[in-house]
PDB file of all heavy atoms in Angstrom:
ATOM      1  N   VAL A   1     -41.313-160.128  -2.445  1.00  0.00           N
ATOM      2  CA  VAL A   1     -41.984-159.120  -1.647  1.00  0.00           C
ATOM      3  C   VAL A   1     -41.425-159.316  -0.262  1.00  0.00           C
ATOM      4  O   VAL A   1     -41.666-160.283   0.465  1.00  0.00           O
ATOM      5  CB  VAL A   1     -43.523-159.250  -1.641  1.00  0.00           C
ATOM      6  CG1 VAL A   1     -44.163-158.185  -0.693  1.00  0.00           C
ATOM      7  CG2 VAL A   1     -44.082-159.045  -3.156  1.00  0.00           C
ATOM      8  N   ILE A   2     -40.761-158.252   0.268  1.00  0.00           N
ATOM      9  CA  ILE A   2     -40.095-158.339   1.518  1.00  0.00           C
ATOM     10  C   ILE A   2     -40.403-157.029   2.309  1.00  0.00           C
ATOM     11  O   ILE A   2     -40.629-156.001   1.806  1.00  0.00           O
ATOM     12  CB  ILE A   2     -38.519-158.315   1.323  1.00  0.00           C
ATOM     13  CG1 ILE A   2     -38.229-159.629   0.594  1.00  0.00           C
ATOM     14  CG2 ILE A   2     -37.725-158.265   2.591  1.00  0.00           C
ATOM     15  CD1 ILE A   2     -36.769-159.644  -0.041  1.00  0.00           C
ATOM     16  N   GLY A   3     -40.429-157.152   3.648  1.00  0.00           N
ATOM     17  CA  GLY A   3     -40.580-156.034   4.534  1.00  0.00           C
ATOM     18  C   GLY A   3     -41.630-156.124   5.613  1.00  0.00           C
ATOM     19  O   GLY A   3     -42.523-156.943   5.516  1.00  0.00           O
ATOM     20  N   PRO A   4     -41.439-155.392   6.708  1.00  0.00           N
ATOM     21  CA  PRO A   4     -42.235-155.572   7.856  1.00  0.00           C
ATOM     22  C   PRO A   4     -43.653-155.068   7.684  1.00  0.00           C
ATOM     23  O   PRO A   4     -44.579-155.466   8.448  1.00  0.00           O
ATOM     24  CB  PRO A   4     -41.535-154.687   8.912  1.00  0.00           C
ATOM     25  CG  PRO A   4     -40.776-153.648   8.106  1.00  0.00           C
ATOM     26  CD  PRO A   4     -40.293-154.436   6.904  1.00  0.00           C
ATOM     27  N   ASN A   5     -43.928-154.246   6.707  1.00  0.00           N
ATOM     28  CA  ASN A   5     -45.325-153.806   6.486  1.00  0.00           C
ATOM     29  C   ASN A   5     -46.049-154.470   5.390  1.00  0.00           C
ATOM     30  O   ASN A   5     -47.186-154.144   5.002  1.00  0.00           O
ATOM     31  CB  ASN A   5     -45.394-152.258   6.247  1.00  0.00           C
ATOM     32  CG  ASN A   5     -45.154-151.464   7.475  1.00  0.00           C
ATOM     33  OD1 ASN A   5     -45.447-151.980   8.580  1.00  0.00           O
ATOM     34  ND2 ASN A   5     -44.637-150.326   7.375  1.00  0.00           N
ATOM     35  N   ALA A   6     -45.369-155.472   4.783  1.00  0.00           N
ATOM     36  CA  ALA A   6     -45.921-156.164   3.569  1.00  0.00           C
ATOM     37  C   ALA A   6     -47.169-156.877   3.864  1.00  0.00           C
ATOM     38  O   ALA A   6     -48.097-156.967   3.012  1.00  0.00           O
ATOM     39  CB  ALA A   6     -44.887-157.015   2.935  1.00  0.00           C
ATOM     40  N   ASN A   7     -47.287-157.457   5.032  1.00  0.00           N
ATOM     41  CA  ASN A   7     -48.457-158.335   5.355  1.00  0.00           C
ATOM     42  C   ASN A   7     -49.030-158.017   6.663  1.00  0.00           C
ATOM     43  O   ASN A   7     -49.640-158.864   7.413  1.00  0.00           O
ATOM     44  CB  ASN A   7     -48.034-159.794   5.306  1.00  0.00           C
ATOM     45  CG  ASN A   7     -49.275-160.736   5.160  1.00  0.00           C
ATOM     46  OD1 ASN A   7     -50.219-160.312   4.416  1.00  0.00           O
ATOM     47  ND2 ASN A   7     -49.185-161.922   5.693  1.00  0.00           N
ATOM     48  N   ASP A   8     -48.971-156.743   7.026  1.00  0.00           N
ATOM     49  CA  ASP A   8     -49.568-156.190   8.375  1.00  0.00           C
ATOM     50  C   ASP A   8     -50.785-155.401   8.035  1.00  0.00           C
ATOM     51  O   ASP A   8     -50.739-154.297   7.590  1.00  0.00           O
ATOM     52  CB  ASP A   8     -48.536-155.282   9.027  1.00  0.00           C
ATOM     53  CG  ASP A   8     -48.899-154.947  10.407  1.00  0.00           C
ATOM     54  OD1 ASP A   8     -50.119-154.860  10.701  1.00  0.00           O
ATOM     55  OD2 ASP A   8     -47.990-154.619  11.252  1.00  0.00           O
ATOM     56  N   ALA A   9     -51.936-156.075   8.348  1.00  0.00           N
ATOM     57  CA  ALA A   9     -53.215-155.427   8.045  1.00  0.00           C
ATOM     58  C   ALA A   9     -53.473-154.204   8.854  1.00  0.00           C
ATOM     59  O   ALA A   9     -54.021-153.195   8.391  1.00  0.00           O
ATOM     60  CB  ALA A   9     -54.352-156.411   8.158  1.00  0.00           C
ATOM     61  N   GLU A  10     -53.135-154.297  10.119  1.00  0.00           N
ATOM     62  CA  GLU A  10     -53.450-153.285  11.074  1.00  0.00           C
ATOM     63  C   GLU A  10     -52.833-151.929  10.721  1.00  0.00           C
ATOM     64  O   GLU A  10     -53.394-150.816  10.932  1.00  0.00           O
ATOM     65  CB  GLU A  10     -52.978-153.616  12.487  1.00  0.00           C
ATOM     66  CG  GLU A  10     -53.378-152.712  13.557  1.00  0.00           C
ATOM     67  CD  GLU A  10     -52.869-153.016  14.929  1.00  0.00           C
ATOM     68  OE1 GLU A  10     -52.096-154.046  15.023  1.00  0.00           O
ATOM     69  OE2 GLU A  10     -53.172-152.305  15.870  1.00  0.00           O
ATOM     70  N   VAL A  11     -51.645-151.939  10.161  1.00  0.00           N
ATOM     71  CA  VAL A  11     -50.954-150.684   9.911  1.00  0.00           C
ATOM     72  C   VAL A  11     -51.661-149.848   8.901  1.00  0.00           C
ATOM     73  O   VAL A  11     -51.671-148.642   8.965  1.00  0.00           O
ATOM     74  CB  VAL A  11     -49.446-151.099   9.346  1.00  0.00           C
ATOM     75  CG1 VAL A  11     -48.828-149.837   8.705  1.00  0.00           C
ATOM     76  CG2 VAL A  11     -48.628-151.560  10.413  1.00  0.00           C
ATOM     77  N   LEU A  12     -52.390-150.524   7.927  1.00  0.00           N
ATOM     78  CA  LEU A  12     -53.147-149.856   6.933  1.00  0.00           C
ATOM     79  C   LEU A  12     -54.212-148.872   7.432  1.00  0.00           C
ATOM     80  O   LEU A  12     -54.613-147.955   6.807  1.00  0.00           O
ATOM     81  CB  LEU A  12     -53.731-150.794   5.923  1.00  0.00           C
ATOM     82  CG  LEU A  12     -52.732-151.411   5.010  1.00  0.00           C
ATOM     83  CD1 LEU A  12     -53.198-152.790   4.563  1.00  0.00           C
ATOM     84  CD2 LEU A  12     -52.398-150.562   3.866  1.00  0.00           C
ATOM     85  N   LEU A  13     -54.748-149.182   8.619  1.00  0.00           N
ATOM     86  CA  LEU A  13     -55.923-148.478   9.184  1.00  0.00           C
ATOM     87  C   LEU A  13     -55.541-147.174   9.898  1.00  0.00           C
ATOM     88  O   LEU A  13     -56.461-146.449  10.242  1.00  0.00           O
ATOM     89  CB  LEU A  13     -56.716-149.473  10.108  1.00  0.00           C
ATOM     90  CG  LEU A  13     -57.255-150.743   9.484  1.00  0.00           C
ATOM     91  CD1 LEU A  13     -58.078-151.532  10.523  1.00  0.00           C
ATOM     92  CD2 LEU A  13     -58.113-150.442   8.296  1.00  0.00           C
ATOM     93  N   GLY A  14     -54.327-146.898  10.092  1.00  0.00           N
ATOM     94  CA  GLY A  14     -53.993-145.681  10.737  1.00  0.00           C
ATOM     95  C   GLY A  14     -54.433-145.677  12.201  1.00  0.00           C
ATOM     96  O   GLY A  14     -54.242-146.589  12.930  1.00  0.00           O
ATOM     97  N   ASN A  15     -55.210-144.597  12.577  1.00  0.00           N
ATOM     98  CA  ASN A  15     -55.827-144.573  13.850  1.00  0.00           C
ATOM     99  C   ASN A  15     -57.135-144.028  13.722  1.00  0.00           C
ATOM    100  O   ASN A  15     -57.576-143.554  12.671  1.00  0.00           O
ATOM    101  CB  ASN A  15     -54.956-143.792  14.867  1.00  0.00           C
ATOM    102  CG  ASN A  15     -54.831-142.324  14.581  1.00  0.00           C
ATOM    103  OD1 ASN A  15     -55.312-141.899  13.604  1.00  0.00           O
ATOM    104  ND2 ASN A  15     -54.209-141.593  15.480  1.00  0.00           N
ATOM    105  N   TYR A  16     -57.889-143.986  14.849  1.00  0.00           N
ATOM    106  CA  TYR A  16     -59.363-143.523  14.853  1.00  0.00           C
ATOM    107  C   TYR A  16     -60.006-144.130  13.604  1.00  0.00           C
ATOM    108  O   TYR A  16     -60.661-143.519  12.773  1.00  0.00           O
ATOM    109  CB  TYR A  16     -59.459-142.013  14.699  1.00  0.00           C
ATOM    110  CG  TYR A  16     -59.099-141.290  15.960  1.00  0.00           C
ATOM    111  CD1 TYR A  16     -57.800-140.711  16.150  1.00  0.00           C
ATOM    112  CD2 TYR A  16     -59.971-141.260  16.974  1.00  0.00           C
ATOM    113  CE1 TYR A  16     -57.553-140.036  17.317  1.00  0.00           C
ATOM    114  CE2 TYR A  16     -59.694-140.596  18.172  1.00  0.00           C
ATOM    115  CZ  TYR A  16     -58.512-139.946  18.340  1.00  0.00           C
ATOM    116  OH  TYR A  16     -58.143-139.264  19.513  1.00  0.00           O
ATOM    117  N   ASN A  17     -60.004-145.513  13.623  1.00  0.00           N
ATOM    118  CA  ASN A  17     -60.568-146.228  12.463  1.00  0.00           C
ATOM    119  C   ASN A  17     -61.674-147.146  12.779  1.00  0.00           C
ATOM    120  O   ASN A  17     -61.881-147.489  13.941  1.00  0.00           O
ATOM    121  CB  ASN A  17     -59.421-147.046  11.881  1.00  0.00           C
ATOM    122  CG  ASN A  17     -58.827-148.072  12.854  1.00  0.00           C
ATOM    123  OD1 ASN A  17     -58.073-147.611  13.738  1.00  0.00           O
ATOM    124  ND2 ASN A  17     -59.249-149.321  12.851  1.00  0.00           N
ATOM    125  N   GLY A  18     -62.505-147.504  11.756  1.00  0.00           N
ATOM    126  CA  GLY A  18     -63.586-148.567  11.852  1.00  0.00           C
ATOM    127  C   GLY A  18     -62.984-149.914  11.618  1.00  0.00           C
ATOM    128  O   GLY A  18     -61.769-150.085  11.556  1.00  0.00           O
ATOM    129  N   GLU A  19     -63.810-150.852  11.526  1.00  0.00           N
ATOM    130  CA  GLU A  19     -63.467-152.264  11.324  1.00  0.00           C
ATOM    131  C   GLU A  19     -64.076-152.812  10.087  1.00  0.00           C
ATOM    132  O   GLU A  19     -65.240-153.316  10.013  1.00  0.00           O
ATOM    133  CB  GLU A  19     -63.871-153.133  12.516  1.00  0.00           C
ATOM    134  CG  GLU A  19     -63.218-152.544  13.887  1.00  0.00           C
ATOM    135  CD  GLU A  19     -63.837-153.376  15.120  1.00  0.00           C
ATOM    136  OE1 GLU A  19     -64.522-154.405  14.887  1.00  0.00           O
ATOM    137  OE2 GLU A  19     -63.598-152.875  16.222  1.00  0.00           O
ATOM    138  N   PRO A  20     -63.410-152.673   8.967  1.00  0.00           N
ATOM    139  CA  PRO A  20     -63.983-153.130   7.685  1.00  0.00           C
ATOM    140  C   PRO A  20     -64.059-154.685   7.619  1.00  0.00           C
ATOM    141  O   PRO A  20     -63.465-155.360   8.385  1.00  0.00           O
ATOM    142  CB  PRO A  20     -62.995-152.621   6.633  1.00  0.00           C
ATOM    143  CG  PRO A  20     -61.721-152.464   7.373  1.00  0.00           C
ATOM    144  CD  PRO A  20     -62.071-152.083   8.757  1.00  0.00           C
ATOM    145  N   LYS A  21     -64.825-155.127   6.706  1.00  0.00           N
ATOM    146  CA  LYS A  21     -65.068-156.656   6.578  1.00  0.00           C
ATOM    147  C   LYS A  21     -63.708-157.288   6.199  1.00  0.00           C
ATOM    148  O   LYS A  21     -63.420-158.430   6.686  1.00  0.00           O
ATOM    149  CB  LYS A  21     -66.066-156.909   5.454  1.00  0.00           C
ATOM    150  CG  LYS A  21     -67.441-156.455   5.780  1.00  0.00           C
ATOM    151  CD  LYS A  21     -68.343-156.583   4.540  1.00  0.00           C
ATOM    152  CE  LYS A  21     -69.751-155.996   4.886  1.00  0.00           C
ATOM    153  NZ  LYS A  21     -70.572-155.847   3.678  1.00  0.00           N
ATOM    154  N   HIS A  22     -62.876-156.611   5.328  1.00  0.00           N
ATOM    155  CA  HIS A  22     -61.605-157.197   4.973  1.00  0.00           C
ATOM    156  C   HIS A  22     -60.610-156.131   4.647  1.00  0.00           C
ATOM    157  O   HIS A  22     -61.003-155.109   4.081  1.00  0.00           O
ATOM    158  CB  HIS A  22     -61.848-158.079   3.716  1.00  0.00           C
ATOM    159  CG  HIS A  22     -60.583-158.744   3.216  1.00  0.00           C
ATOM    160  ND1 HIS A  22     -59.930-159.706   3.953  1.00  0.00           N
ATOM    161  CD2 HIS A  22     -59.847-158.460   2.103  1.00  0.00           C
ATOM    162  CE1 HIS A  22     -58.813-160.114   3.307  1.00  0.00           C
ATOM    163  NE2 HIS A  22     -58.736-159.376   2.161  1.00  0.00           N
ATOM    164  N   ILE A  23     -59.346-156.367   5.000  1.00  0.00           N
ATOM    165  CA  ILE A  23     -58.242-155.464   4.700  1.00  0.00           C
ATOM    166  C   ILE A  23     -57.369-156.092   3.726  1.00  0.00           C
ATOM    167  O   ILE A  23     -56.794-157.222   3.950  1.00  0.00           O
ATOM    168  CB  ILE A  23     -57.528-155.027   6.046  1.00  0.00           C
ATOM    169  CG1 ILE A  23     -58.456-154.456   7.070  1.00  0.00           C
ATOM    170  CG2 ILE A  23     -56.367-154.116   5.705  1.00  0.00           C
ATOM    171  CD1 ILE A  23     -57.869-154.491   8.434  1.00  0.00           C
ATOM    172  N   VAL A  24     -57.029-155.404   2.597  1.00  0.00           N
ATOM    173  CA  VAL A  24     -56.159-155.956   1.643  1.00  0.00           C
ATOM    174  C   VAL A  24     -54.740-155.423   1.926  1.00  0.00           C
ATOM    175  O   VAL A  24     -54.387-154.240   1.736  1.00  0.00           O
ATOM    176  CB  VAL A  24     -56.537-155.511   0.188  1.00  0.00           C
ATOM    177  CG1 VAL A  24     -55.577-156.150  -0.816  1.00  0.00           C
ATOM    178  CG2 VAL A  24     -57.990-155.983  -0.093  1.00  0.00           C
ATOM    179  N   THR A  25     -53.930-156.320   2.327  1.00  0.00           N
ATOM    180  CA  THR A  25     -52.486-156.008   2.600  1.00  0.00           C
ATOM    181  C   THR A  25     -51.660-155.794   1.312  1.00  0.00           C
ATOM    182  O   THR A  25     -52.122-156.275   0.254  1.00  0.00           O
ATOM    183  CB  THR A  25     -51.758-156.960   3.478  1.00  0.00           C
ATOM    184  OG1 THR A  25     -51.686-158.244   2.718  1.00  0.00           O
ATOM    185  CG2 THR A  25     -52.502-157.277   4.737  1.00  0.00           C
ATOM    186  N   PRO A  26     -50.551-155.138   1.315  1.00  0.00           N
ATOM    187  CA  PRO A  26     -49.728-155.041   0.106  1.00  0.00           C
ATOM    188  C   PRO A  26     -49.386-156.506  -0.472  1.00  0.00           C
ATOM    189  O   PRO A  26     -49.506-156.577  -1.714  1.00  0.00           O
ATOM    190  CB  PRO A  26     -48.450-154.273   0.588  1.00  0.00           C
ATOM    191  CG  PRO A  26     -48.911-153.457   1.681  1.00  0.00           C
ATOM    192  CD  PRO A  26     -49.971-154.318   2.391  1.00  0.00           C
ATOM    193  N   LEU A  27     -49.087-157.344   0.383  1.00  0.00           N
ATOM    194  CA  LEU A  27     -48.784-158.790  -0.174  1.00  0.00           C
ATOM    195  C   LEU A  27     -50.032-159.299  -0.857  1.00  0.00           C
ATOM    196  O   LEU A  27     -49.841-159.844  -1.992  1.00  0.00           O
ATOM    197  CB  LEU A  27     -48.378-159.614   0.978  1.00  0.00           C
ATOM    198  CG  LEU A  27     -48.073-161.079   0.593  1.00  0.00           C
ATOM    199  CD1 LEU A  27     -46.955-161.210  -0.362  1.00  0.00           C
ATOM    200  CD2 LEU A  27     -47.790-162.022   1.882  1.00  0.00           C
ATOM    201  N   GLU A  28     -51.165-159.330  -0.144  1.00  0.00           N
ATOM    202  CA  GLU A  28     -52.330-159.784  -0.907  1.00  0.00           C
ATOM    203  C   GLU A  28     -52.621-159.082  -2.167  1.00  0.00           C
ATOM    204  O   GLU A  28     -52.966-159.764  -3.158  1.00  0.00           O
ATOM    205  CB  GLU A  28     -53.546-159.689   0.069  1.00  0.00           C
ATOM    206  CG  GLU A  28     -54.844-160.369  -0.536  1.00  0.00           C
ATOM    207  CD  GLU A  28     -56.080-160.079   0.298  1.00  0.00           C
ATOM    208  OE1 GLU A  28     -55.925-159.826   1.489  1.00  0.00           O
ATOM    209  OE2 GLU A  28     -57.171-160.178  -0.258  1.00  0.00           O
ATOM    210  N   GLY A  29     -52.506-157.750  -2.165  1.00  0.00           N
ATOM    211  CA  GLY A  29     -52.791-157.062  -3.451  1.00  0.00           C
ATOM    212  C   GLY A  29     -51.866-157.424  -4.532  1.00  0.00           C
ATOM    213  O   GLY A  29     -52.266-157.648  -5.682  1.00  0.00           O
ATOM    214  N   ILE A  30     -50.634-157.576  -4.203  1.00  0.00           N
ATOM    215  CA  ILE A  30     -49.606-157.921  -5.225  1.00  0.00           C
ATOM    216  C   ILE A  30     -49.878-159.302  -5.636  1.00  0.00           C
ATOM    217  O   ILE A  30     -49.715-159.644  -6.957  1.00  0.00           O
ATOM    218  CB  ILE A  30     -48.191-157.704  -4.644  1.00  0.00           C
ATOM    219  CG1 ILE A  30     -47.883-156.263  -4.475  1.00  0.00           C
ATOM    220  CG2 ILE A  30     -47.115-158.408  -5.512  1.00  0.00           C
ATOM    221  CD1 ILE A  30     -46.609-155.993  -3.666  1.00  0.00           C
ATOM    222  N   GLN A  31     -50.103-160.230  -4.862  1.00  0.00           N
ATOM    223  CA  GLN A  31     -50.323-161.644  -5.272  1.00  0.00           C
ATOM    224  C   GLN A  31     -51.511-161.762  -6.182  1.00  0.00           C
ATOM    225  O   GLN A  31     -51.415-162.473  -7.148  1.00  0.00           O
ATOM    226  CB  GLN A  31     -50.653-162.552  -4.025  1.00  0.00           C
ATOM    227  CG  GLN A  31     -49.374-162.843  -3.162  1.00  0.00           C
ATOM    228  CD  GLN A  31     -49.714-163.488  -1.803  1.00  0.00           C
ATOM    229  OE1 GLN A  31     -50.744-163.345  -1.241  1.00  0.00           O
ATOM    230  NE2 GLN A  31     -48.673-164.248  -1.300  1.00  0.00           N
ATOM    231  N   LYS A  32     -52.545-160.989  -5.921  1.00  0.00           N
ATOM    232  CA  LYS A  32     -53.734-161.006  -6.829  1.00  0.00           C
ATOM    233  C   LYS A  32     -53.425-160.378  -8.253  1.00  0.00           C
ATOM    234  O   LYS A  32     -53.773-160.902  -9.251  1.00  0.00           O
ATOM    235  CB  LYS A  32     -54.940-160.321  -6.213  1.00  0.00           C
ATOM    236  CG  LYS A  32     -55.602-161.128  -5.109  1.00  0.00           C
ATOM    237  CD  LYS A  32     -56.828-160.433  -4.564  1.00  0.00           C
ATOM    238  CE  LYS A  32     -57.466-161.295  -3.442  1.00  0.00           C
ATOM    239  NZ  LYS A  32     -58.662-160.632  -2.978  1.00  0.00           N
ATOM    240  N   ALA A  33     -52.694-159.185  -8.215  1.00  0.00           N
ATOM    241  CA  ALA A  33     -52.445-158.525  -9.445  1.00  0.00           C
ATOM    242  C   ALA A  33     -51.472-159.303 -10.279  1.00  0.00           C
ATOM    243  O   ALA A  33     -51.519-159.262 -11.519  1.00  0.00           O
ATOM    244  CB  ALA A  33     -51.910-157.129  -9.064  1.00  0.00           C
ATOM    245  N   PHE A  34     -50.444-159.913  -9.590  1.00  0.00           N
ATOM    246  CA  PHE A  34     -49.402-160.623 -10.339  1.00  0.00           C
ATOM    247  C   PHE A  34     -49.717-162.160 -10.266  1.00  0.00           C
ATOM    248  O   PHE A  34     -48.829-162.903  -9.840  1.00  0.00           O
ATOM    249  CB  PHE A  34     -48.024-160.335  -9.778  1.00  0.00           C
ATOM    250  CG  PHE A  34     -47.620-158.802 -10.077  1.00  0.00           C
ATOM    251  CD1 PHE A  34     -48.005-157.843  -9.180  1.00  0.00           C
ATOM    252  CD2 PHE A  34     -46.916-158.531 -11.131  1.00  0.00           C
ATOM    253  CE1 PHE A  34     -47.661-156.524  -9.361  1.00  0.00           C
ATOM    254  CE2 PHE A  34     -46.423-157.246 -11.418  1.00  0.00           C
ATOM    255  CZ  PHE A  34     -46.841-156.224 -10.552  1.00  0.00           C
ATOM    256  N   SER A  35     -50.854-162.562 -10.742  1.00  0.00           N
ATOM    257  CA  SER A  35     -51.255-163.945 -10.644  1.00  0.00           C
ATOM    258  C   SER A  35     -50.472-164.934 -11.497  1.00  0.00           C
ATOM    259  O   SER A  35     -50.382-166.094 -11.155  1.00  0.00           O
ATOM    260  CB  SER A  35     -52.731-164.092 -10.929  1.00  0.00           C
ATOM    261  OG  SER A  35     -53.005-163.611 -12.252  1.00  0.00           O
ATOM    262  N   ASN A  36     -49.809-164.356 -12.477  1.00  0.00           N
ATOM    263  CA  ASN A  36     -48.971-165.284 -13.329  1.00  0.00           C
ATOM    264  C   ASN A  36     -47.569-165.152 -12.947  1.00  0.00           C
ATOM    265  O   ASN A  36     -46.640-165.711 -13.697  1.00  0.00           O
ATOM    266  CB  ASN A  36     -49.122-164.881 -14.801  1.00  0.00           C
ATOM    267  CG  ASN A  36     -50.587-165.118 -15.243  1.00  0.00           C
ATOM    268  OD1 ASN A  36     -51.139-166.032 -14.996  1.00  0.00           O
ATOM    269  ND2 ASN A  36     -51.117-164.062 -16.062  1.00  0.00           N
ATOM    270  N   THR A  37     -47.182-164.502 -11.873  1.00  0.00           N
ATOM    271  CA  THR A  37     -45.811-164.360 -11.404  1.00  0.00           C
ATOM    272  C   THR A  37     -45.654-165.204 -10.101  1.00  0.00           C
ATOM    273  O   THR A  37     -46.567-165.270  -9.298  1.00  0.00           O
ATOM    274  CB  THR A  37     -45.527-162.865 -11.079  1.00  0.00           C
ATOM    275  OG1 THR A  37     -45.652-162.141 -12.241  1.00  0.00           O
ATOM    276  CG2 THR A  37     -44.089-162.708 -10.648  1.00  0.00           C
ATOM    277  N   ASN A  38     -44.433-165.780  -9.979  1.00  0.00           N
ATOM    278  CA  ASN A  38     -44.106-166.407  -8.683  1.00  0.00           C
ATOM    279  C   ASN A  38     -43.757-165.342  -7.630  1.00  0.00           C
ATOM    280  O   ASN A  38     -42.610-164.848  -7.682  1.00  0.00           O
ATOM    281  CB  ASN A  38     -42.986-167.406  -8.845  1.00  0.00           C
ATOM    282  CG  ASN A  38     -42.615-168.125  -7.613  1.00  0.00           C
ATOM    283  OD1 ASN A  38     -43.338-168.094  -6.574  1.00  0.00           O
ATOM    284  ND2 ASN A  38     -41.407-168.701  -7.598  1.00  0.00           N
ATOM    285  N   VAL A  39     -44.757-165.049  -6.798  1.00  0.00           N
ATOM    286  CA  VAL A  39     -44.570-164.002  -5.747  1.00  0.00           C
ATOM    287  C   VAL A  39     -44.081-164.691  -4.463  1.00  0.00           C
ATOM    288  O   VAL A  39     -44.874-165.435  -3.935  1.00  0.00           O
ATOM    289  CB  VAL A  39     -45.833-163.281  -5.507  1.00  0.00           C
ATOM    290  CG1 VAL A  39     -45.602-162.209  -4.367  1.00  0.00           C
ATOM    291  CG2 VAL A  39     -46.258-162.528  -6.773  1.00  0.00           C
TER     292      VAL A  39
END
């Protein structure tokens, strides 16, 4: 998993946004989904 937006939580919120308890980045999402893969 490569790239400048892979682990940037802020980018996901766009603008005019609230503050959720947790933001799932692409990297975190992929790591959880592919738990049997070396990510």
